[in-house]
Amino acid sequence: MSNGFNKISTGVVTLACLLIFLVFSSLVLPDQAAKAESYAGEAGSPDTSLFYTSKDLYRFAEAYGEEGRTAYIRARFTFDVIWPITYLIFLVTSISWLLRKANLHNSRWGLLNLVPVFGTAFDFIENSMASIVMARYPQTTIVIDRLAGVFTLLKWVFISGSFVVLIASVLLMLFRLKKRK
């Protein structure tokens, strides 16, 4: 998978993915955040929390009300499918391209382009679990309600880690370029 990402991550593809990420972040993300705030209010959201307990998740569900829970679930299977794919393609292509420019793509360092894949996978799992709890509320959903917060934490660890890898890749590329000159 890592090698496949390296093959497709040309300069043009990487630039296109960066532009998609920037356009989505500036045009779509603010509108979605406003919609989420309209039903979440001051209760917050599982998606933006670093970690939450099952008790917190049920508190979110209660605070959202029936319409808010429906809107939350709809957003998880529309916007929150496209958004993770958007940041995934940006991060994977950028990290792959930068590591290739630093001549590290054939080493173990090259596997760092897989970090965003884990963040995206955990994001999808978190969204599914939180949506199941929201859909079944007020019934409890044992196990899923407890694991949702764990997957949220893992999502944030890997997404944040992806941006750390991206910054490190930029620095490694610049170091290698300077060393060549």
N, C-alpha and C. Protein backbone atom coordinates (compact mmCIF):
# COMPACT_ATOMS: atom_id res chain seq x y z
N MET A 1 0.83 -1.19 0.00
CA MET A 1 0.00 0.00 0.00
C MET A 1 0.88 1.25 0.00
N SER A 2 1.92 1.23 0.82
CA SER A 2 2.83 2.36 0.89
C SER A 2 3.48 2.62 -0.46
N ASN A 3 3.92 1.56 -1.13
CA ASN A 3 4.53 1.71 -2.46
C ASN A 3 3.54 2.24 -3.47
N GLY A 4 2.30 1.79 -3.38
CA GLY A 4 1.25 2.30 -4.27
C GLY A 4 1.04 3.79 -4.09
N PHE A 5 1.03 4.24 -2.84
CA PHE A 5 0.90 5.67 -2.57
C PHE A 5 2.09 6.43 -3.14
N ASN A 6 3.28 5.86 -3.03
CA ASN A 6 4.47 6.51 -3.58
C ASN A 6 4.37 6.66 -5.09
N LYS A 7 3.83 5.66 -5.76
CA LYS A 7 3.72 5.70 -7.23
C LYS A 7 2.76 6.78 -7.71
N ILE A 8 1.64 6.95 -7.00
CA ILE A 8 0.65 7.93 -7.47
C ILE A 8 0.95 9.36 -7.01
N SER A 9 1.86 9.51 -6.08
CA SER A 9 2.10 10.83 -5.48
C SER A 9 3.13 11.64 -6.26
N THR A 10 2.74 12.01 -7.47
CA THR A 10 3.58 12.89 -8.28
C THR A 10 3.38 14.32 -7.80
N GLY A 11 4.19 15.22 -8.29
CA GLY A 11 4.05 16.62 -7.93
C GLY A 11 2.68 17.17 -8.29
N VAL A 12 2.18 16.83 -9.48
CA VAL A 12 0.88 17.33 -9.94
C VAL A 12 -0.25 16.77 -9.07
N VAL A 13 -0.21 15.48 -8.78
CA VAL A 13 -1.26 14.86 -7.96
C VAL A 13 -1.23 15.44 -6.55
N THR A 14 -0.04 15.59 -6.01
CA THR A 14 0.10 16.15 -4.66
C THR A 14 -0.43 17.58 -4.61
N LEU A 15 -0.11 18.36 -5.60
CA LEU A 15 -0.61 19.75 -5.66
C LEU A 15 -2.13 19.77 -5.79
N ALA A 16 -2.68 18.89 -6.61
CA ALA A 16 -4.14 18.83 -6.77
C ALA A 16 -4.81 18.44 -5.45
N CYS A 17 -4.22 17.49 -4.74
CA CYS A 17 -4.79 17.07 -3.44
C CYS A 17 -4.69 18.19 -2.41
N LEU A 18 -3.61 18.95 -2.44
CA LEU A 18 -3.47 20.11 -1.56
C LEU A 18 -4.56 21.13 -1.85
N LEU A 19 -4.79 21.41 -3.13
CA LEU A 19 -5.83 22.38 -3.51
C LEU A 19 -7.21 21.91 -3.08
N ILE A 20 -7.51 20.62 -3.26
CA ILE A 20 -8.80 20.08 -2.83
C ILE A 20 -8.95 20.25 -1.31
N PHE A 21 -7.89 19.93 -0.58
CA PHE A 21 -7.91 20.06 0.87
C PHE A 21 -8.15 21.51 1.29
N LEU A 22 -7.46 22.44 0.66
CA LEU A 22 -7.60 23.87 1.01
C LEU A 22 -8.99 24.40 0.67
N VAL A 23 -9.50 24.04 -0.50
CA VAL A 23 -10.84 24.49 -0.90
C VAL A 23 -11.90 23.90 0.04
N PHE A 24 -11.80 22.62 0.32
CA PHE A 24 -12.75 21.97 1.22
C PHE A 24 -12.69 22.59 2.61
N SER A 25 -11.47 22.81 3.10
CA SER A 25 -11.29 23.39 4.44
C SER A 25 -11.85 24.80 4.54
N SER A 26 -11.73 25.57 3.47
CA SER A 26 -12.17 26.96 3.54
C SER A 26 -13.63 27.16 3.15
N LEU A 27 -14.18 26.30 2.31
CA LEU A 27 -15.55 26.50 1.84
C LEU A 27 -16.58 25.57 2.49
N VAL A 28 -16.24 24.32 2.69
CA VAL A 28 -17.22 23.34 3.19
C VAL A 28 -17.16 23.21 4.71
N LEU A 29 -15.97 23.16 5.25
CA LEU A 29 -15.80 22.93 6.68
C LEU A 29 -16.49 23.98 7.56
N PRO A 30 -16.35 25.27 7.26
CA PRO A 30 -17.04 26.27 8.11
C PRO A 30 -18.56 26.12 8.10
N ASP A 31 -19.14 25.81 6.94
CA ASP A 31 -20.59 25.62 6.85
C ASP A 31 -21.03 24.42 7.67
N GLN A 32 -20.27 23.34 7.60
CA GLN A 32 -20.60 22.13 8.36
C GLN A 32 -20.46 22.38 9.85
N ALA A 33 -19.45 23.13 10.23
CA ALA A 33 -19.27 23.46 11.65
C ALA A 33 -20.45 24.27 12.18
N ALA A 34 -20.94 25.19 11.37
CA ALA A 34 -22.11 26.00 11.78
C ALA A 34 -23.35 25.12 11.92
N LYS A 35 -23.54 24.18 10.99
CA LYS A 35 -24.68 23.26 11.09
C LYS A 35 -24.58 22.42 12.35
N ALA A 36 -23.40 21.92 12.64
CA ALA A 36 -23.20 21.09 13.83
C ALA A 36 -23.48 21.89 15.09
N GLU A 37 -23.06 23.13 15.10
CA GLU A 37 -23.28 23.98 16.27
C GLU A 37 -24.77 24.25 16.47
N SER A 38 -25.52 24.27 15.39
CA SER A 38 -26.95 24.55 15.51
C SER A 38 -27.69 23.45 16.28
N TYR A 39 -27.27 22.20 16.16
CA TYR A 39 -27.94 21.15 16.93
C TYR A 39 -27.17 20.75 18.18
N ALA A 40 -25.87 20.98 18.18
CA ALA A 40 -25.07 20.58 19.35
C ALA A 40 -25.06 21.66 20.42
N GLY A 41 -25.11 22.92 19.98
CA GLY A 41 -25.06 24.03 20.94
C GLY A 41 -23.85 23.93 21.83
N GLU A 42 -24.06 24.16 23.09
CA GLU A 42 -22.96 24.12 24.05
C GLU A 42 -22.64 22.70 24.52
N ALA A 43 -23.42 21.72 24.07
CA ALA A 43 -23.19 20.33 24.49
C ALA A 43 -21.88 19.79 23.93
N GLY A 44 -21.45 20.33 22.78
CA GLY A 44 -20.24 19.82 22.15
C GLY A 44 -20.56 18.68 21.21
N SER A 45 -19.52 18.01 20.76
CA SER A 45 -19.70 16.93 19.80
C SER A 45 -18.68 15.83 20.05
N PRO A 46 -19.07 14.59 19.87
CA PRO A 46 -18.10 13.51 20.01
C PRO A 46 -16.93 13.68 19.04
N ASP A 47 -17.21 14.13 17.83
CA ASP A 47 -16.18 14.25 16.79
C ASP A 47 -15.05 15.21 17.14
N THR A 48 -15.39 16.27 17.84
CA THR A 48 -14.37 17.27 18.16
C THR A 48 -13.78 17.09 19.55
N SER A 49 -14.29 16.13 20.30
CA SER A 49 -13.73 15.83 21.61
C SER A 49 -12.48 14.98 21.44
N LEU A 50 -11.53 15.17 22.33
CA LEU A 50 -10.33 14.33 22.30
C LEU A 50 -10.67 12.93 22.79
N PHE A 51 -11.48 12.87 23.83
CA PHE A 51 -11.93 11.61 24.40
C PHE A 51 -13.23 11.87 25.13
N TYR A 52 -14.07 10.88 25.20
CA TYR A 52 -15.31 10.99 25.96
C TYR A 52 -15.70 9.61 26.46
N THR A 53 -16.47 9.59 27.50
CA THR A 53 -16.95 8.34 28.08
C THR A 53 -18.31 8.00 27.48
N SER A 54 -18.81 6.82 27.79
CA SER A 54 -20.15 6.45 27.31
C SER A 54 -21.19 7.38 27.92
N LYS A 55 -20.96 7.79 29.16
CA LYS A 55 -21.88 8.71 29.83
C LYS A 55 -21.92 10.05 29.06
N ASP A 56 -20.76 10.52 28.63
CA ASP A 56 -20.69 11.75 27.84
C ASP A 56 -21.45 11.60 26.52
N LEU A 57 -21.28 10.44 25.88
CA LEU A 57 -21.94 10.21 24.60
C LEU A 57 -23.46 10.24 24.75
N TYR A 58 -23.99 9.67 25.81
CA TYR A 58 -25.43 9.72 26.05
C TYR A 58 -25.89 11.13 26.41
N ARG A 59 -25.01 11.89 27.05
CA ARG A 59 -25.31 13.29 27.36
C ARG A 59 -25.42 14.09 26.06
N PHE A 60 -24.50 13.84 25.11
CA PHE A 60 -24.59 14.49 23.79
C PHE A 60 -25.92 14.13 23.13
N ALA A 61 -26.25 12.83 23.14
CA ALA A 61 -27.47 12.35 22.48
C ALA A 61 -28.72 13.02 23.07
N GLU A 62 -28.76 13.13 24.36
CA GLU A 62 -29.92 13.75 25.01
C GLU A 62 -29.99 15.24 24.67
N ALA A 63 -28.85 15.92 24.73
CA ALA A 63 -28.82 17.36 24.46
C ALA A 63 -29.21 17.68 23.02
N TYR A 64 -28.90 16.80 22.07
CA TYR A 64 -29.20 17.06 20.66
C TYR A 64 -30.69 16.98 20.36
N GLY A 65 -31.42 16.18 21.12
CA GLY A 65 -32.83 15.97 20.81
C GLY A 65 -32.95 15.10 19.57
N GLU A 66 -34.17 14.74 19.24
CA GLU A 66 -34.39 13.82 18.11
C GLU A 66 -33.91 14.41 16.79
N GLU A 67 -34.24 15.66 16.53
CA GLU A 67 -33.81 16.29 15.27
C GLU A 67 -32.29 16.42 15.20
N GLY A 68 -31.69 16.79 16.31
CA GLY A 68 -30.23 16.93 16.35
C GLY A 68 -29.53 15.61 16.14
N ARG A 69 -30.06 14.54 16.73
CA ARG A 69 -29.46 13.22 16.54
C ARG A 69 -29.58 12.79 15.07
N THR A 70 -30.73 13.06 14.47
CA THR A 70 -30.92 12.73 13.05
C THR A 70 -29.94 13.52 12.19
N ALA A 71 -29.77 14.80 12.49
CA ALA A 71 -28.82 15.64 11.74
C ALA A 71 -27.38 15.15 11.95
N TYR A 72 -27.07 14.75 13.17
CA TYR A 72 -25.73 14.23 13.48
C TYR A 72 -25.45 12.98 12.64
N ILE A 73 -26.39 12.06 12.63
CA ILE A 73 -26.21 10.81 11.88
C ILE A 73 -26.08 11.10 10.39
N ARG A 74 -26.92 11.96 9.87
CA ARG A 74 -26.86 12.33 8.45
C ARG A 74 -25.50 12.92 8.10
N ALA A 75 -25.00 13.78 8.96
CA ALA A 75 -23.69 14.39 8.72
C ALA A 75 -22.56 13.36 8.73
N ARG A 76 -22.68 12.35 9.58
CA ARG A 76 -21.63 11.32 9.66
C ARG A 76 -21.55 10.49 8.39
N PHE A 77 -22.68 10.36 7.67
CA PHE A 77 -22.68 9.52 6.48
C PHE A 77 -22.76 10.32 5.18
N THR A 78 -22.55 11.62 5.28
CA THR A 78 -22.43 12.47 4.09
C THR A 78 -21.11 13.23 4.21
N PHE A 79 -21.16 14.35 4.89
CA PHE A 79 -19.97 15.17 5.07
C PHE A 79 -18.80 14.39 5.66
N ASP A 80 -19.06 13.62 6.70
CA ASP A 80 -17.97 12.96 7.43
C ASP A 80 -17.50 11.67 6.76
N VAL A 81 -17.94 11.44 5.54
CA VAL A 81 -17.32 10.43 4.69
C VAL A 81 -16.36 11.16 3.74
N ILE A 82 -16.82 12.28 3.22
CA ILE A 82 -16.00 13.04 2.26
C ILE A 82 -14.81 13.71 2.94
N TRP A 83 -15.02 14.29 4.13
CA TRP A 83 -13.95 15.00 4.82
C TRP A 83 -12.75 14.10 5.14
N PRO A 84 -12.94 12.92 5.73
CA PRO A 84 -11.78 12.06 5.98
C PRO A 84 -11.05 11.64 4.69
N ILE A 85 -11.81 11.41 3.63
CA ILE A 85 -11.16 11.06 2.36
C ILE A 85 -10.35 12.25 1.86
N THR A 86 -10.87 13.46 2.06
CA THR A 86 -10.16 14.67 1.63
C THR A 86 -8.84 14.83 2.39
N TYR A 87 -8.87 14.72 3.72
CA TYR A 87 -7.61 14.88 4.44
C TYR A 87 -6.70 13.68 4.23
N LEU A 88 -7.27 12.50 3.98
CA LEU A 88 -6.45 11.32 3.70
C LEU A 88 -5.64 11.50 2.42
N ILE A 89 -6.30 11.89 1.33
CA ILE A 89 -5.55 12.02 0.07
C ILE A 89 -4.52 13.13 0.15
N PHE A 90 -4.85 14.21 0.86
CA PHE A 90 -3.87 15.29 1.04
C PHE A 90 -2.66 14.79 1.81
N LEU A 91 -2.89 14.17 2.95
CA LEU A 91 -1.78 13.73 3.80
C LEU A 91 -0.96 12.62 3.16
N VAL A 92 -1.62 11.64 2.58
CA VAL A 92 -0.89 10.51 1.98
C VAL A 92 -0.03 10.98 0.81
N THR A 93 -0.60 11.77 -0.08
CA THR A 93 0.18 12.20 -1.24
C THR A 93 1.29 13.17 -0.83
N SER A 94 1.01 14.06 0.09
CA SER A 94 2.03 15.02 0.53
C SER A 94 3.19 14.33 1.23
N ILE A 95 2.88 13.45 2.16
CA ILE A 95 3.93 12.73 2.89
C ILE A 95 4.72 11.86 1.92
N SER A 96 4.04 11.15 1.04
CA SER A 96 4.72 10.28 0.08
C SER A 96 5.65 11.08 -0.82
N TRP A 97 5.15 12.17 -1.37
CA TRP A 97 5.94 12.99 -2.27
C TRP A 97 7.15 13.59 -1.55
N LEU A 98 6.94 14.11 -0.35
CA LEU A 98 8.04 14.71 0.41
C LEU A 98 9.09 13.67 0.79
N LEU A 99 8.68 12.50 1.20
CA LEU A 99 9.65 11.46 1.55
C LEU A 99 10.42 10.98 0.32
N ARG A 100 9.76 10.97 -0.83
CA ARG A 100 10.47 10.62 -2.07
C ARG A 100 11.50 11.70 -2.41
N LYS A 101 11.11 12.96 -2.24
CA LYS A 101 12.06 14.06 -2.50
C LYS A 101 13.24 14.02 -1.53
N ALA A 102 13.00 13.51 -0.32
CA ALA A 102 14.08 13.37 0.67
C ALA A 102 14.83 12.05 0.48
N ASN A 103 14.42 11.28 -0.54
CA ASN A 103 15.03 9.98 -0.85
C ASN A 103 14.92 9.00 0.32
N LEU A 104 13.79 9.03 1.00
CA LEU A 104 13.54 8.14 2.14
C LEU A 104 12.38 7.18 1.89
N HIS A 105 11.78 7.27 0.72
CA HIS A 105 10.59 6.47 0.44
C HIS A 105 10.85 4.96 0.38
N ASN A 106 12.08 4.55 0.08
CA ASN A 106 12.40 3.12 0.03
C ASN A 106 12.94 2.58 1.35
N SER A 107 12.99 3.42 2.35
CA SER A 107 13.46 2.98 3.67
C SER A 107 12.24 2.77 4.57
N ARG A 108 12.49 2.44 5.80
CA ARG A 108 11.38 2.29 6.75
C ARG A 108 10.64 3.60 6.95
N TRP A 109 11.33 4.71 6.74
CA TRP A 109 10.68 6.02 6.85
C TRP A 109 9.52 6.13 5.87
N GLY A 110 9.65 5.45 4.74
CA GLY A 110 8.61 5.51 3.72
C GLY A 110 7.26 4.99 4.19
N LEU A 111 7.27 4.14 5.19
CA LEU A 111 6.01 3.60 5.73
C LEU A 111 5.20 4.65 6.50
N LEU A 112 5.82 5.78 6.78
CA LEU A 112 5.10 6.84 7.49
C LEU A 112 3.93 7.38 6.68
N ASN A 113 3.92 7.13 5.38
CA ASN A 113 2.78 7.59 4.58
C ASN A 113 1.50 6.80 4.89
N LEU A 114 1.63 5.76 5.73
CA LEU A 114 0.45 4.98 6.13
C LEU A 114 -0.22 5.51 7.39
N VAL A 115 0.44 6.41 8.10
CA VAL A 115 -0.14 6.95 9.34
C VAL A 115 -1.52 7.57 9.11
N PRO A 116 -1.72 8.36 8.04
CA PRO A 116 -3.06 8.92 7.81
C PRO A 116 -4.14 7.86 7.55
N VAL A 117 -3.74 6.72 7.03
CA VAL A 117 -4.72 5.65 6.77
C VAL A 117 -5.33 5.18 8.09
N PHE A 118 -4.50 5.05 9.11
CA PHE A 118 -5.02 4.64 10.41
C PHE A 118 -5.94 5.70 11.00
N GLY A 119 -5.56 6.97 10.88
CA GLY A 119 -6.42 8.05 11.38
C GLY A 119 -7.78 8.05 10.70
N THR A 120 -7.79 7.85 9.40
CA THR A 120 -9.04 7.81 8.65
C THR A 120 -9.88 6.60 9.03
N ALA A 121 -9.24 5.46 9.16
CA ALA A 121 -9.97 4.24 9.56
C ALA A 121 -10.61 4.42 10.93
N PHE A 122 -9.85 4.97 11.88
CA PHE A 122 -10.41 5.19 13.21
C PHE A 122 -11.52 6.24 13.17
N ASP A 123 -11.42 7.22 12.29
CA ASP A 123 -12.47 8.23 12.13
C ASP A 123 -13.77 7.56 11.67
N PHE A 124 -13.68 6.70 10.66
CA PHE A 124 -14.87 6.00 10.17
C PHE A 124 -15.48 5.09 11.24
N ILE A 125 -14.63 4.40 12.00
CA ILE A 125 -15.13 3.52 13.06
C ILE A 125 -15.83 4.36 14.14
N GLU A 126 -15.18 5.45 14.53
CA GLU A 126 -15.78 6.35 15.54
C GLU A 126 -17.14 6.86 15.07
N ASN A 127 -17.21 7.33 13.83
CA ASN A 127 -18.47 7.85 13.30
C ASN A 127 -19.57 6.80 13.31
N SER A 128 -19.22 5.59 12.94
CA SER A 128 -20.20 4.51 12.93
C SER A 128 -20.70 4.20 14.34
N MET A 129 -19.77 4.10 15.28
CA MET A 129 -20.15 3.77 16.65
C MET A 129 -21.00 4.86 17.28
N ALA A 130 -20.58 6.11 17.12
CA ALA A 130 -21.35 7.21 17.70
C ALA A 130 -22.73 7.30 17.05
N SER A 131 -22.81 7.03 15.76
CA SER A 131 -24.10 7.07 15.06
C SER A 131 -25.03 5.97 15.54
N ILE A 132 -24.49 4.79 15.81
CA ILE A 132 -25.31 3.70 16.33
C ILE A 132 -25.90 4.10 17.68
N VAL A 133 -25.08 4.68 18.53
CA VAL A 133 -25.56 5.12 19.85
C VAL A 133 -26.63 6.19 19.68
N MET A 134 -26.39 7.16 18.79
CA MET A 134 -27.38 8.22 18.55
C MET A 134 -28.69 7.64 18.01
N ALA A 135 -28.60 6.69 17.10
CA ALA A 135 -29.80 6.11 16.49
C ALA A 135 -30.61 5.29 17.49
N ARG A 136 -29.95 4.65 18.41
CA ARG A 136 -30.65 3.78 19.38
C ARG A 136 -31.10 4.54 20.63
N TYR A 137 -30.61 5.77 20.82
CA TYR A 137 -30.95 6.53 22.03
C TYR A 137 -32.47 6.62 22.15
N PRO A 138 -33.05 6.41 23.31
CA PRO A 138 -32.51 6.35 24.65
C PRO A 138 -32.04 4.97 25.10
N GLN A 139 -32.16 3.97 24.23
CA GLN A 139 -31.64 2.65 24.60
C GLN A 139 -30.11 2.72 24.68
N THR A 140 -29.55 1.93 25.55
CA THR A 140 -28.09 1.89 25.65
C THR A 140 -27.54 0.86 24.67
N THR A 141 -26.34 1.10 24.25
CA THR A 141 -25.66 0.22 23.29
C THR A 141 -24.34 -0.18 23.93
N ILE A 142 -24.40 -1.20 24.76
CA ILE A 142 -23.24 -1.62 25.54
C ILE A 142 -22.11 -2.04 24.61
N VAL A 143 -20.92 -1.78 25.01
CA VAL A 143 -19.65 -2.03 24.32
C VAL A 143 -19.39 -0.93 23.29
N ILE A 144 -20.30 -0.76 22.33
CA ILE A 144 -20.10 0.28 21.31
C ILE A 144 -20.02 1.65 21.97
N ASP A 145 -20.87 1.90 22.96
CA ASP A 145 -20.87 3.20 23.63
C ASP A 145 -19.54 3.45 24.36
N ARG A 146 -18.91 2.41 24.83
CA ARG A 146 -17.63 2.55 25.54
C ARG A 146 -16.45 2.66 24.57
N LEU A 147 -16.54 1.96 23.47
CA LEU A 147 -15.44 1.96 22.50
C LEU A 147 -15.40 3.22 21.63
N ALA A 148 -16.53 3.87 21.45
CA ALA A 148 -16.58 5.06 20.58
C ALA A 148 -15.55 6.10 21.01
N GLY A 149 -15.47 6.39 22.29
CA GLY A 149 -14.51 7.37 22.79
C GLY A 149 -13.07 6.94 22.60
N VAL A 150 -12.81 5.65 22.70
CA VAL A 150 -11.46 5.12 22.48
C VAL A 150 -11.05 5.33 21.02
N PHE A 151 -11.97 5.05 20.10
CA PHE A 151 -11.67 5.24 18.69
C PHE A 151 -11.53 6.72 18.34
N THR A 152 -12.24 7.58 19.04
CA THR A 152 -12.06 9.02 18.84
C THR A 152 -10.66 9.43 19.25
N LEU A 153 -10.22 8.97 20.39
CA LEU A 153 -8.86 9.26 20.85
C LEU A 153 -7.83 8.74 19.84
N LEU A 154 -8.00 7.51 19.38
CA LEU A 154 -7.07 6.94 18.39
C LEU A 154 -7.09 7.76 17.10
N LYS A 155 -8.27 8.19 16.69
CA LYS A 155 -8.38 9.04 15.49
C LYS A 155 -7.50 10.28 15.65
N TRP A 156 -7.66 10.97 16.77
CA TRP A 156 -6.91 12.21 16.97
C TRP A 156 -5.41 11.96 17.11
N VAL A 157 -5.02 10.85 17.72
CA VAL A 157 -3.59 10.52 17.83
C VAL A 157 -3.00 10.34 16.44
N PHE A 158 -3.69 9.59 15.57
CA PHE A 158 -3.14 9.33 14.25
C PHE A 158 -3.28 10.51 13.29
N ILE A 159 -4.34 11.29 13.41
CA ILE A 159 -4.46 12.47 12.55
C ILE A 159 -3.42 13.51 12.96
N SER A 160 -3.30 13.77 14.26
CA SER A 160 -2.27 14.70 14.73
C SER A 160 -0.89 14.18 14.36
N GLY A 161 -0.69 12.88 14.54
CA GLY A 161 0.58 12.27 14.16
C GLY A 161 0.87 12.43 12.69
N SER A 162 -0.16 12.39 11.86
CA SER A 162 0.02 12.58 10.42
C SER A 162 0.54 13.97 10.11
N PHE A 163 0.03 14.97 10.81
CA PHE A 163 0.51 16.33 10.59
C PHE A 163 1.93 16.51 11.12
N VAL A 164 2.27 15.81 12.19
CA VAL A 164 3.65 15.82 12.69
C VAL A 164 4.57 15.18 11.65
N VAL A 165 4.13 14.05 11.08
CA VAL A 165 4.91 13.39 10.03
C VAL A 165 5.05 14.30 8.82
N LEU A 166 3.98 15.01 8.47
CA LEU A 166 4.03 15.93 7.33
C LEU A 166 5.07 17.02 7.57
N ILE A 167 5.05 17.63 8.74
CA ILE A 167 6.02 18.69 9.06
C ILE A 167 7.44 18.11 9.08
N ALA A 168 7.61 16.95 9.68
CA ALA A 168 8.92 16.30 9.71
C ALA A 168 9.40 15.98 8.30
N SER A 169 8.48 15.57 7.43
CA SER A 169 8.83 15.26 6.04
C SER A 169 9.30 16.51 5.29
N VAL A 170 8.64 17.63 5.55
CA VAL A 170 9.09 18.90 4.95
C VAL A 170 10.50 19.22 5.41
N LEU A 171 10.74 19.09 6.70
CA LEU A 171 12.07 19.39 7.25
C LEU A 171 13.13 18.44 6.71
N LEU A 172 12.80 17.16 6.62
CA LEU A 172 13.75 16.19 6.07
C LEU A 172 14.06 16.49 4.61
N MET A 173 13.04 16.84 3.84
CA MET A 173 13.26 17.17 2.44
C MET A 173 14.15 18.39 2.31
N LEU A 174 13.88 19.43 3.11
CA LEU A 174 14.69 20.64 3.06
C LEU A 174 16.13 20.36 3.49
N PHE A 175 16.30 19.54 4.50
CA PHE A 175 17.64 19.16 4.96
C PHE A 175 18.39 18.42 3.86
N ARG A 176 17.72 17.47 3.22
CA ARG A 176 18.36 16.70 2.15
C ARG A 176 18.71 17.59 0.95
N LEU A 177 17.82 18.51 0.60
CA LEU A 177 18.09 19.42 -0.50
C LEU A 177 19.28 20.32 -0.19
N LYS A 178 19.34 20.81 1.03
CA LYS A 178 20.45 21.68 1.44
C LYS A 178 21.76 20.89 1.45
N LYS A 179 21.68 19.65 1.90
CA LYS A 179 22.87 18.79 1.96
C LYS A 179 23.41 18.51 0.57
N ARG A 180 22.53 18.33 -0.41
CA ARG A 180 22.94 18.07 -1.81
C ARG A 180 23.67 19.26 -2.41
N LYS A 181 23.23 20.46 -2.02
CA LYS A 181 23.86 21.67 -2.57
C LYS A 181 25.15 21.93 -1.84
